[in-house]
Amino acid sequence: MTVHEIMVAEPHSCRRGFFRHLYARVETHHTGQYWTWWQVDESGIPLTDAERAFRTEDAALNDAVERLNGVSLVV
């Protein structure tokens, strides 16, 4: 299991034309046959159910970025 941070940009609620950056934490897991991901909090407690199966960890991470409206993975 590996934990990754995804940067999410959303319009600022009070300042028109500005965006704020939020960070979502996802955990990827290899079952032996496929990869899954789910969103976790800072303690590692799952916030969502596992998503569908993926062939590679990169495919799972790309899906996480897309579904969470992310901008990029934080390195």
PDB file of N, CA and C in Angstrom:
ATOM      1  N   MET A   1       0.832  -1.167   0.000  1.00  0.00           N
ATOM      2  CA  MET A   1       0.000   0.000   0.000  1.00  0.00           C
ATOM      3  C   MET A   1       0.883   1.239   0.000  1.00  0.00           C
ATOM      4  N   THR A   2       0.542   2.173  -0.841  1.00  0.00           N
ATOM      5  CA  THR A   2       1.283   3.417  -0.949  1.00  0.00           C
ATOM      6  C   THR A   2       0.310   4.582  -0.869  1.00  0.00           C
ATOM      7  N   VAL A   3       0.685   5.607  -0.127  1.00  0.00           N
ATOM      8  CA  VAL A   3      -0.151   6.798   0.010  1.00  0.00           C
ATOM      9  C   VAL A   3       0.404   7.890  -0.897  1.00  0.00           C
ATOM     10  N   HIS A   4      -0.495   8.533  -1.650  1.00  0.00           N
ATOM     11  CA  HIS A   4      -0.128   9.612  -2.570  1.00  0.00           C
ATOM     12  C   HIS A   4      -0.977  10.832  -2.257  1.00  0.00           C
ATOM     13  N   GLU A   5      -0.427  12.020  -2.494  1.00  0.00           N
ATOM     14  CA  GLU A   5      -1.167  13.259  -2.318  1.00  0.00           C
ATOM     15  C   GLU A   5      -1.502  13.817  -3.697  1.00  0.00           C
ATOM     16  N   ILE A   6      -2.728  14.266  -3.844  1.00  0.00           N
ATOM     17  CA  ILE A   6      -3.195  14.854  -5.103  1.00  0.00           C
ATOM     18  C   ILE A   6      -3.566  16.303  -4.833  1.00  0.00           C
ATOM     19  N   MET A   7      -3.063  17.225  -5.660  1.00  0.00           N
ATOM     20  CA  MET A   7      -3.400  18.627  -5.512  1.00  0.00           C
ATOM     21  C   MET A   7      -4.675  18.910  -6.308  1.00  0.00           C
ATOM     22  N   VAL A   8      -5.627  19.531  -5.636  1.00  0.00           N
ATOM     23  CA  VAL A   8      -6.899  19.875  -6.248  1.00  0.00           C
ATOM     24  C   VAL A   8      -7.007  21.392  -6.250  1.00  0.00           C
ATOM     25  N   ALA A   9      -7.333  21.991  -7.394  1.00  0.00           N
ATOM     26  CA  ALA A   9      -7.532  23.435  -7.478  1.00  0.00           C
ATOM     27  C   ALA A   9      -9.017  23.692  -7.683  1.00  0.00           C
ATOM     28  N   GLU A  10      -9.561  24.581  -6.872  1.00  0.00           N
ATOM     29  CA  GLU A  10     -10.972  24.931  -7.027  1.00  0.00           C
ATOM     30  C   GLU A  10     -11.098  26.437  -6.876  1.00  0.00           C
ATOM     31  N   PRO A  11     -12.121  27.025  -7.499  1.00  0.00           N
ATOM     32  CA  PRO A  11     -12.301  28.477  -7.374  1.00  0.00           C
ATOM     33  C   PRO A  11     -12.446  28.875  -5.903  1.00  0.00           C
ATOM     34  N   HIS A  12     -11.807  29.980  -5.554  1.00  0.00           N
ATOM     35  CA  HIS A  12     -11.890  30.471  -4.177  1.00  0.00           C
ATOM     36  C   HIS A  12     -13.306  30.967  -3.918  1.00  0.00           C
ATOM     37  N   SER A  13     -13.840  30.646  -2.759  1.00  0.00           N
ATOM     38  CA  SER A  13     -15.230  30.982  -2.458  1.00  0.00           C
ATOM     39  C   SER A  13     -15.450  32.477  -2.218  1.00  0.00           C
ATOM     40  N   CYS A  14     -14.421  33.208  -1.813  1.00  0.00           N
ATOM     41  CA  CYS A  14     -14.586  34.626  -1.475  1.00  0.00           C
ATOM     42  C   CYS A  14     -13.864  35.578  -2.428  1.00  0.00           C
ATOM     43  N   ARG A  15     -12.920  35.089  -3.170  1.00  0.00           N
ATOM     44  CA  ARG A  15     -12.109  35.965  -4.016  1.00  0.00           C
ATOM     45  C   ARG A  15     -12.259  35.552  -5.467  1.00  0.00           C
ATOM     46  N   ARG A  16     -13.083  36.278  -6.186  1.00  0.00           N
ATOM     47  CA  ARG A  16     -13.344  35.973  -7.582  1.00  0.00           C
ATOM     48  C   ARG A  16     -12.062  36.037  -8.406  1.00  0.00           C
ATOM     49  N   GLY A  17     -11.870  35.038  -9.247  1.00  0.00           N
ATOM     50  CA  GLY A  17     -10.689  34.984 -10.092  1.00  0.00           C
ATOM     51  C   GLY A  17      -9.504  34.281  -9.453  1.00  0.00           C
ATOM     52  N   PHE A  18      -9.613  33.934  -8.185  1.00  0.00           N
ATOM     53  CA  PHE A  18      -8.540  33.235  -7.490  1.00  0.00           C
ATOM     54  C   PHE A  18      -8.933  31.781  -7.286  1.00  0.00           C
ATOM     55  N   PHE A  19      -7.930  30.942  -7.204  1.00  0.00           N
ATOM     56  CA  PHE A  19      -8.148  29.529  -6.930  1.00  0.00           C
ATOM     57  C   PHE A  19      -7.441  29.179  -5.628  1.00  0.00           C
ATOM     58  N   ARG A  20      -7.958  28.192  -4.948  1.00  0.00           N
ATOM     59  CA  ARG A  20      -7.266  27.690  -3.774  1.00  0.00           C
ATOM     60  C   ARG A  20      -6.879  26.246  -4.031  1.00  0.00           C
ATOM     61  N   HIS A  21      -5.775  25.867  -3.440  1.00  0.00           N
ATOM     62  CA  HIS A  21      -5.279  24.504  -3.607  1.00  0.00           C
ATOM     63  C   HIS A  21      -5.584  23.696  -2.360  1.00  0.00           C
ATOM     64  N   LEU A  22      -6.206  22.561  -2.574  1.00  0.00           N
ATOM     65  CA  LEU A  22      -6.497  21.612  -1.511  1.00  0.00           C
ATOM     66  C   LEU A  22      -5.744  20.330  -1.839  1.00  0.00           C
ATOM     67  N   TYR A  23      -5.553  19.506  -0.860  1.00  0.00           N
ATOM     68  CA  TYR A  23      -4.827  18.268  -1.072  1.00  0.00           C
ATOM     69  C   TYR A  23      -5.681  17.092  -0.637  1.00  0.00           C
ATOM     70  N   ALA A  24      -5.767  16.095  -1.503  1.00  0.00           N
ATOM     71  CA  ALA A  24      -6.486  14.860  -1.200  1.00  0.00           C
ATOM     72  C   ALA A  24      -5.446  13.754  -1.078  1.00  0.00           C
ATOM     73  N   ARG A  25      -5.654  12.874  -0.168  1.00  0.00           N
ATOM     74  CA  ARG A  25      -4.734  11.762   0.058  1.00  0.00           C
ATOM     75  C   ARG A  25      -5.414  10.482  -0.402  1.00  0.00           C
ATOM     76  N   VAL A  26      -4.745   9.735  -1.270  1.00  0.00           N
ATOM     77  CA  VAL A  26      -5.280   8.456  -1.739  1.00  0.00           C
ATOM     78  C   VAL A  26      -4.267   7.352  -1.458  1.00  0.00           C
ATOM     79  N   GLU A  27      -4.788   6.182  -1.258  1.00  0.00           N
ATOM     80  CA  GLU A  27      -3.942   5.015  -1.014  1.00  0.00           C
ATOM     81  C   GLU A  27      -4.170   4.021  -2.140  1.00  0.00           C
ATOM     82  N   THR A  28      -3.077   3.523  -2.713  1.00  0.00           N
ATOM     83  CA  THR A  28      -3.181   2.491  -3.742  1.00  0.00           C
ATOM     84  C   THR A  28      -2.811   1.160  -3.126  1.00  0.00           C
ATOM     85  N   HIS A  29      -3.408   0.117  -3.645  1.00  0.00           N
ATOM     86  CA  HIS A  29      -3.186  -1.209  -3.087  1.00  0.00           C
ATOM     87  C   HIS A  29      -3.177  -2.238  -4.218  1.00  0.00           C
ATOM     88  N   HIS A  30      -2.202  -3.128  -4.185  1.00  0.00           N
ATOM     89  CA  HIS A  30      -2.129  -4.202  -5.169  1.00  0.00           C
ATOM     90  C   HIS A  30      -2.623  -5.482  -4.518  1.00  0.00           C
ATOM     91  N   THR A  31      -3.632  -6.085  -5.101  1.00  0.00           N
ATOM     92  CA  THR A  31      -4.238  -7.292  -4.528  1.00  0.00           C
ATOM     93  C   THR A  31      -3.523  -8.562  -4.949  1.00  0.00           C
ATOM     94  N   GLY A  32      -2.565  -8.444  -5.854  1.00  0.00           N
ATOM     95  CA  GLY A  32      -1.904  -9.614  -6.419  1.00  0.00           C
ATOM     96  C   GLY A  32      -2.331  -9.812  -7.866  1.00  0.00           C
ATOM     97  N   GLN A  33      -3.497  -9.278  -8.209  1.00  0.00           N
ATOM     98  CA  GLN A  33      -3.995  -9.374  -9.579  1.00  0.00           C
ATOM     99  C   GLN A  33      -4.276  -8.007 -10.194  1.00  0.00           C
ATOM    100  N   TYR A  34      -4.634  -7.040  -9.391  1.00  0.00           N
ATOM    101  CA  TYR A  34      -4.982  -5.718  -9.909  1.00  0.00           C
ATOM    102  C   TYR A  34      -4.739  -4.656  -8.835  1.00  0.00           C
ATOM    103  N   TRP A  35      -4.788  -3.394  -9.259  1.00  0.00           N
ATOM    104  CA  TRP A  35      -4.600  -2.244  -8.369  1.00  0.00           C
ATOM    105  C   TRP A  35      -5.945  -1.586  -8.082  1.00  0.00           C
ATOM    106  N   THR A  36      -6.110  -1.082  -6.876  1.00  0.00           N
ATOM    107  CA  THR A  36      -7.274  -0.283  -6.506  1.00  0.00           C
ATOM    108  C   THR A  36      -6.789   0.971  -5.788  1.00  0.00           C
ATOM    109  N   TRP A  37      -7.680   1.941  -5.629  1.00  0.00           N
ATOM    110  CA  TRP A  37      -7.358   3.130  -4.838  1.00  0.00           C
ATOM    111  C   TRP A  37      -8.591   3.554  -4.058  1.00  0.00           C
ATOM    112  N   TRP A  38      -8.360   4.248  -2.954  1.00  0.00           N
ATOM    113  CA  TRP A  38      -9.436   4.862  -2.194  1.00  0.00           C
ATOM    114  C   TRP A  38      -8.871   6.087  -1.497  1.00  0.00           C
ATOM    115  N   GLN A  39      -9.738   7.020  -1.177  1.00  0.00           N
ATOM    116  CA  GLN A  39      -9.314   8.239  -0.501  1.00  0.00           C
ATOM    117  C   GLN A  39      -9.232   7.968   1.001  1.00  0.00           C
ATOM    118  N   VAL A  40      -8.182   8.473   1.640  1.00  0.00           N
ATOM    119  CA  VAL A  40      -7.977   8.288   3.073  1.00  0.00           C
ATOM    120  C   VAL A  40      -7.761   9.650   3.739  1.00  0.00           C
ATOM    121  N   ASP A  41      -7.973   9.701   5.049  1.00  0.00           N
ATOM    122  CA  ASP A  41      -7.683  10.926   5.787  1.00  0.00           C
ATOM    123  C   ASP A  41      -6.239  10.905   6.268  1.00  0.00           C
ATOM    124  N   GLU A  42      -5.852  11.914   7.054  1.00  0.00           N
ATOM    125  CA  GLU A  42      -4.455  12.006   7.494  1.00  0.00           C
ATOM    126  C   GLU A  42      -4.044  10.876   8.424  1.00  0.00           C
ATOM    127  N   SER A  43      -5.013  10.181   9.004  1.00  0.00           N
ATOM    128  CA  SER A  43      -4.712   9.037   9.872  1.00  0.00           C
ATOM    129  C   SER A  43      -4.680   7.716   9.114  1.00  0.00           C
ATOM    130  N   GLY A  44      -5.007   7.757   7.816  1.00  0.00           N
ATOM    131  CA  GLY A  44      -5.028   6.546   7.007  1.00  0.00           C
ATOM    132  C   GLY A  44      -6.367   5.826   7.017  1.00  0.00           C
ATOM    133  N   ILE A  45      -7.388   6.449   7.622  1.00  0.00           N
ATOM    134  CA  ILE A  45      -8.722   5.851   7.668  1.00  0.00           C
ATOM    135  C   ILE A  45      -9.427   6.117   6.340  1.00  0.00           C
ATOM    136  N   PRO A  46      -9.948   5.079   5.682  1.00  0.00           N
ATOM    137  CA  PRO A  46     -10.614   5.267   4.393  1.00  0.00           C
ATOM    138  C   PRO A  46     -11.830   6.189   4.479  1.00  0.00           C
ATOM    139  N   LEU A  47     -11.919   7.112   3.518  1.00  0.00           N
ATOM    140  CA  LEU A  47     -13.066   8.007   3.406  1.00  0.00           C
ATOM    141  C   LEU A  47     -14.031   7.535   2.331  1.00  0.00           C
ATOM    142  N   THR A  48     -13.550   6.701   1.425  1.00  0.00           N
ATOM    143  CA  THR A  48     -14.372   6.173   0.338  1.00  0.00           C
ATOM    144  C   THR A  48     -14.135   4.678   0.221  1.00  0.00           C
ATOM    145  N   ASP A  49     -15.016   4.014  -0.482  1.00  0.00           N
ATOM    146  CA  ASP A  49     -14.808   2.607  -0.805  1.00  0.00           C
ATOM    147  C   ASP A  49     -13.747   2.502  -1.894  1.00  0.00           C
ATOM    148  N   ALA A  50     -13.169   1.331  -2.050  1.00  0.00           N
ATOM    149  CA  ALA A  50     -12.186   1.112  -3.111  1.00  0.00           C
ATOM    150  C   ALA A  50     -12.851   1.286  -4.468  1.00  0.00           C
ATOM    151  N   GLU A  51     -12.133   1.912  -5.374  1.00  0.00           N
ATOM    152  CA  GLU A  51     -12.637   2.081  -6.735  1.00  0.00           C
ATOM    153  C   GLU A  51     -12.440   0.783  -7.513  1.00  0.00           C
ATOM    154  N   ARG A  52     -12.821   0.799  -8.759  1.00  0.00           N
ATOM    155  CA  ARG A  52     -12.739  -0.419  -9.576  1.00  0.00           C
ATOM    156  C   ARG A  52     -11.289  -0.858  -9.788  1.00  0.00           C
ATOM    157  N   ALA A  53     -11.097  -1.987 -10.403  1.00  0.00           N
ATOM    158  CA  ALA A  53      -9.765  -2.573 -10.603  1.00  0.00           C
ATOM    159  C   ALA A  53      -9.037  -1.922 -11.785  1.00  0.00           C
ATOM    160  N   PHE A  54      -7.706  -1.802 -11.639  1.00  0.00           N
ATOM    161  CA  PHE A  54      -6.851  -1.244 -12.687  1.00  0.00           C
ATOM    162  C   PHE A  54      -5.665  -2.172 -12.901  1.00  0.00           C
ATOM    163  N   ARG A  55      -5.127  -2.154 -14.114  1.00  0.00           N
ATOM    164  CA  ARG A  55      -3.998  -3.027 -14.441  1.00  0.00           C
ATOM    165  C   ARG A  55      -2.694  -2.564 -13.815  1.00  0.00           C
ATOM    166  N   THR A  56      -2.511  -1.243 -13.702  1.00  0.00           N
ATOM    167  CA  THR A  56      -1.265  -0.695 -13.168  1.00  0.00           C
ATOM    168  C   THR A  56      -1.563   0.338 -12.090  1.00  0.00           C
ATOM    169  N   GLU A  57      -0.548   0.631 -11.283  1.00  0.00           N
ATOM    170  CA  GLU A  57      -0.704   1.670 -10.268  1.00  0.00           C
ATOM    171  C   GLU A  57      -0.883   3.032 -10.920  1.00  0.00           C
ATOM    172  N   ASP A  58      -0.186   3.282 -12.024  1.00  0.00           N
ATOM    173  CA  ASP A  58      -0.335   4.561 -12.726  1.00  0.00           C
ATOM    174  C   ASP A  58      -1.759   4.767 -13.212  1.00  0.00           C
ATOM    175  N   ALA A  59      -2.385   3.716 -13.707  1.00  0.00           N
ATOM    176  CA  ALA A  59      -3.770   3.822 -14.166  1.00  0.00           C
ATOM    177  C   ALA A  59      -4.691   4.149 -12.996  1.00  0.00           C
ATOM    178  N   ALA A  60      -4.449   3.537 -11.846  1.00  0.00           N
ATOM    179  CA  ALA A  60      -5.252   3.819 -10.655  1.00  0.00           C
ATOM    180  C   ALA A  60      -5.055   5.265 -10.210  1.00  0.00           C
ATOM    181  N   LEU A  61      -3.819   5.738 -10.211  1.00  0.00           N
ATOM    182  CA  LEU A  61      -3.550   7.117  -9.811  1.00  0.00           C
ATOM    183  C   LEU A  61      -4.145   8.119 -10.784  1.00  0.00           C
ATOM    184  N   ASN A  62      -4.065   7.839 -12.078  1.00  0.00           N
ATOM    185  CA  ASN A  62      -4.675   8.729 -13.065  1.00  0.00           C
ATOM    186  C   ASN A  62      -6.180   8.819 -12.862  1.00  0.00           C
ATOM    187  N   ASP A  63      -6.814   7.703 -12.550  1.00  0.00           N
ATOM    188  CA  ASP A  63      -8.245   7.708 -12.285  1.00  0.00           C
ATOM    189  C   ASP A  63      -8.556   8.524 -11.027  1.00  0.00           C
ATOM    190  N   ALA A  64      -7.727   8.397  -9.992  1.00  0.00           N
ATOM    191  CA  ALA A  64      -7.930   9.166  -8.765  1.00  0.00           C
ATOM    192  C   ALA A  64      -7.843  10.663  -9.036  1.00  0.00           C
ATOM    193  N   VAL A  65      -6.835  11.077  -9.796  1.00  0.00           N
ATOM    194  CA  VAL A  65      -6.689  12.497 -10.135  1.00  0.00           C
ATOM    195  C   VAL A  65      -7.918  12.977 -10.896  1.00  0.00           C
ATOM    196  N   GLU A  66      -8.369  12.204 -11.865  1.00  0.00           N
ATOM    197  CA  GLU A  66      -9.521  12.586 -12.674  1.00  0.00           C
ATOM    198  C   GLU A  66     -10.799  12.662 -11.837  1.00  0.00           C
ATOM    199  N   ARG A  67     -11.072  11.666 -11.032  1.00  0.00           N
ATOM    200  CA  ARG A  67     -12.318  11.619 -10.244  1.00  0.00           C
ATOM    201  C   ARG A  67     -12.359  12.674  -9.141  1.00  0.00           C
ATOM    202  N   LEU A  68     -11.211  13.029  -8.607  1.00  0.00           N
ATOM    203  CA  LEU A  68     -11.169  14.033  -7.545  1.00  0.00           C
ATOM    204  C   LEU A  68     -10.978  15.436  -8.095  1.00  0.00           C
ATOM    205  N   ASN A  69     -11.060  15.586  -9.420  1.00  0.00           N
ATOM    206  CA  ASN A  69     -10.853  16.882 -10.086  1.00  0.00           C
ATOM    207  C   ASN A  69      -9.496  17.465  -9.722  1.00  0.00           C
ATOM    208  N   GLY A  70      -8.499  16.585  -9.680  1.00  0.00           N
ATOM    209  CA  GLY A  70      -7.167  17.005  -9.300  1.00  0.00           C
ATOM    210  C   GLY A  70      -6.413  17.671 -10.417  1.00  0.00           C
ATOM    211  N   VAL A  71      -5.346  18.321 -10.027  1.00  0.00           N
ATOM    212  CA  VAL A  71      -4.460  18.987 -10.967  1.00  0.00           C
ATOM    213  C   VAL A  71      -3.258  18.090 -11.250  1.00  0.00           C
ATOM    214  N   SER A  72      -2.693  17.530 -10.194  1.00  0.00           N
ATOM    215  CA  SER A  72      -1.506  16.696 -10.354  1.00  0.00           C
ATOM    216  C   SER A  72      -1.249  15.902  -9.088  1.00  0.00           C
ATOM    217  N   LEU A  73      -0.332  14.977  -9.192  1.00  0.00           N
ATOM    218  CA  LEU A  73       0.169  14.276  -8.022  1.00  0.00           C
ATOM    219  C   LEU A  73       1.254  15.126  -7.386  1.00  0.00           C
ATOM    220  N   VAL A  74       1.290  15.157  -6.079  1.00  0.00           N
ATOM    221  CA  VAL A  74       2.317  15.895  -5.368  1.00  0.00           C
ATOM    222  C   VAL A  74       3.490  14.960  -5.145  1.00  0.00           C
ATOM    223  N   VAL A  75       4.653  15.416  -5.537  1.00  0.00           N
ATOM    224  CA  VAL A  75       5.849  14.574  -5.419  1.00  0.00           C
ATOM    225  C   VAL A  75       6.621  14.956  -4.181  1.00  0.00           C
TER     226      VAL A  75
END
